[in-house]
Amino acid sequence: MSSTPYKVTKISGEEVHEGDELLVDHNHHVTFVGVDCPPWEDEETGESMPGRVRVRYAWGSVEEIDESRAGVFVDEV
């Protein structure tokens, strides 16, 4: 299990750990690698960004994607 201060959960509520399988864009099987950043909001501008996670595709490529594409939520603990 990761020692990062983040909790990652699937939309179903199931907790996600490094090495777990996810579906990206509802049809690509990937392996969860870790969290790049939690969702954040700039109080001055009101700009907000979704959380970002790293996933590994079957062909070995690792990509940083928005949490919504992976069907997960990233929260700070």
C-alpha atoms as a PDB file:
ATOM      1  CA  MET A   1       0.000   0.000   0.000  1.00  0.00           C
ATOM      2  CA  SER A   2       1.196   3.501  -0.791  1.00  0.00           C
ATOM      3  CA  SER A   3       2.437   5.785   1.979  1.00  0.00           C
ATOM      4  CA  THR A   4       0.994   8.850   0.246  1.00  0.00           C
ATOM      5  CA  PRO A   5      -1.538  10.991   2.139  1.00  0.00           C
ATOM      6  CA  TYR A   6      -4.296  10.248  -0.395  1.00  0.00           C
ATOM      7  CA  LYS A   7      -7.272   7.934  -0.457  1.00  0.00           C
ATOM      8  CA  VAL A   8      -8.421   6.714  -3.870  1.00  0.00           C
ATOM      9  CA  THR A   9     -11.868   5.184  -4.248  1.00  0.00           C
ATOM     10  CA  LYS A  10     -13.840   3.882  -7.193  1.00  0.00           C
ATOM     11  CA  ILE A  11     -17.185   5.496  -7.935  1.00  0.00           C
ATOM     12  CA  SER A  12     -18.716   2.353  -6.381  1.00  0.00           C
ATOM     13  CA  GLY A  13     -17.009   3.241  -3.065  1.00  0.00           C
ATOM     14  CA  GLU A  14     -14.388   0.469  -3.208  1.00  0.00           C
ATOM     15  CA  GLU A  15     -10.929   1.642  -2.085  1.00  0.00           C
ATOM     16  CA  VAL A  16      -8.159   1.462  -4.723  1.00  0.00           C
ATOM     17  CA  HIS A  17      -4.540   0.492  -4.006  1.00  0.00           C
ATOM     18  CA  GLU A  18      -1.405   0.476  -6.149  1.00  0.00           C
ATOM     19  CA  GLY A  19      -1.514  -2.495  -8.524  1.00  0.00           C
ATOM     20  CA  ASP A  20      -5.332  -2.653  -8.690  1.00  0.00           C
ATOM     21  CA  GLU A  21      -7.013  -2.892 -12.073  1.00  0.00           C
ATOM     22  CA  LEU A  22      -9.138  -0.001 -13.356  1.00  0.00           C
ATOM     23  CA  LEU A  23     -10.962   0.787 -16.581  1.00  0.00           C
ATOM     24  CA  VAL A  24      -9.999   3.995 -18.398  1.00  0.00           C
ATOM     25  CA  ASP A  25     -12.665   5.496 -20.642  1.00  0.00           C
ATOM     26  CA  HIS A  26     -14.819   2.460 -19.737  1.00  0.00           C
ATOM     27  CA  ASN A  27     -12.951   0.097 -22.082  1.00  0.00           C
ATOM     28  CA  HIS A  28      -9.157   0.081 -21.472  1.00  0.00           C
ATOM     29  CA  HIS A  29      -7.896  -2.170 -18.675  1.00  0.00           C
ATOM     30  CA  VAL A  30      -5.069  -0.441 -16.784  1.00  0.00           C
ATOM     31  CA  THR A  31      -3.130  -0.870 -13.550  1.00  0.00           C
ATOM     32  CA  PHE A  32      -3.287   1.902 -10.950  1.00  0.00           C
ATOM     33  CA  VAL A  33       0.262   3.167 -10.314  1.00  0.00           C
ATOM     34  CA  GLY A  34      -0.282   6.134  -7.977  1.00  0.00           C
ATOM     35  CA  VAL A  35      -1.567   9.646  -7.362  1.00  0.00           C
ATOM     36  CA  ASP A  36       0.026  12.649  -9.030  1.00  0.00           C
ATOM     37  CA  CYS A  37      -2.115  15.248  -7.256  1.00  0.00           C
ATOM     38  CA  PRO A  38      -5.453  15.592  -5.482  1.00  0.00           C
ATOM     39  CA  PRO A  39      -8.205  17.871  -6.786  1.00  0.00           C
ATOM     40  CA  TRP A  40      -7.471  21.506  -5.992  1.00  0.00           C
ATOM     41  CA  GLU A  41      -9.007  24.945  -6.236  1.00  0.00           C
ATOM     42  CA  ASP A  42      -7.319  28.342  -6.479  1.00  0.00           C
ATOM     43  CA  GLU A  43      -9.125  30.583  -3.998  1.00  0.00           C
ATOM     44  CA  GLU A  44      -8.086  33.777  -5.805  1.00  0.00           C
ATOM     45  CA  THR A  45      -9.214  32.841  -9.315  1.00  0.00           C
ATOM     46  CA  GLY A  46     -11.824  30.197  -8.475  1.00  0.00           C
ATOM     47  CA  GLU A  47     -10.141  27.827 -10.925  1.00  0.00           C
ATOM     48  CA  SER A  48     -10.438  24.179  -9.963  1.00  0.00           C
ATOM     49  CA  MET A  49      -8.727  21.086 -11.327  1.00  0.00           C
ATOM     50  CA  PRO A  50      -9.602  17.406 -10.920  1.00  0.00           C
ATOM     51  CA  GLY A  51      -7.283  14.947  -9.214  1.00  0.00           C
ATOM     52  CA  ARG A  52      -4.685  13.250 -11.407  1.00  0.00           C
ATOM     53  CA  VAL A  53      -3.625   9.592 -11.222  1.00  0.00           C
ATOM     54  CA  ARG A  54      -0.955   7.521 -12.985  1.00  0.00           C
ATOM     55  CA  VAL A  55      -1.996   4.320 -14.740  1.00  0.00           C
ATOM     56  CA  ARG A  56      -0.098   1.670 -16.705  1.00  0.00           C
ATOM     57  CA  TYR A  57      -1.599   0.251 -19.882  1.00  0.00           C
ATOM     58  CA  ALA A  58      -1.145  -3.399 -20.908  1.00  0.00           C
ATOM     59  CA  TRP A  59       1.515  -2.376 -23.472  1.00  0.00           C
ATOM     60  CA  GLY A  60       3.625  -0.791 -20.685  1.00  0.00           C
ATOM     61  CA  SER A  61       2.922   2.893 -21.246  1.00  0.00           C
ATOM     62  CA  VAL A  62       2.375   4.947 -18.053  1.00  0.00           C
ATOM     63  CA  GLU A  63       0.088   7.953 -18.368  1.00  0.00           C
ATOM     64  CA  GLU A  64      -1.137  10.697 -16.027  1.00  0.00           C
ATOM     65  CA  ILE A  65      -4.906  11.128 -16.402  1.00  0.00           C
ATOM     66  CA  ASP A  66      -7.830  12.902 -14.713  1.00  0.00           C
ATOM     67  CA  GLU A  67      -9.503  10.921 -11.958  1.00  0.00           C
ATOM     68  CA  SER A  68     -12.818  10.940 -13.847  1.00  0.00           C
ATOM     69  CA  ARG A  69     -11.307   9.054 -16.811  1.00  0.00           C
ATOM     70  CA  ALA A  70     -10.223   6.293 -14.431  1.00  0.00           C
ATOM     71  CA  GLY A  71     -13.577   6.234 -12.615  1.00  0.00           C
ATOM     72  CA  VAL A  72     -12.055   7.146  -9.247  1.00  0.00           C
ATOM     73  CA  PHE A  73     -12.028   9.931  -6.676  1.00  0.00           C
ATOM     74  CA  VAL A  74      -8.797  11.201  -5.079  1.00  0.00           C
ATOM     75  CA  ASP A  75      -9.059  12.656  -1.576  1.00  0.00           C
ATOM     76  CA  GLU A  76      -6.437  13.925   0.838  1.00  0.00           C
ATOM     77  CA  VAL A  77      -6.463  12.148   4.204  1.00  0.00           C
END
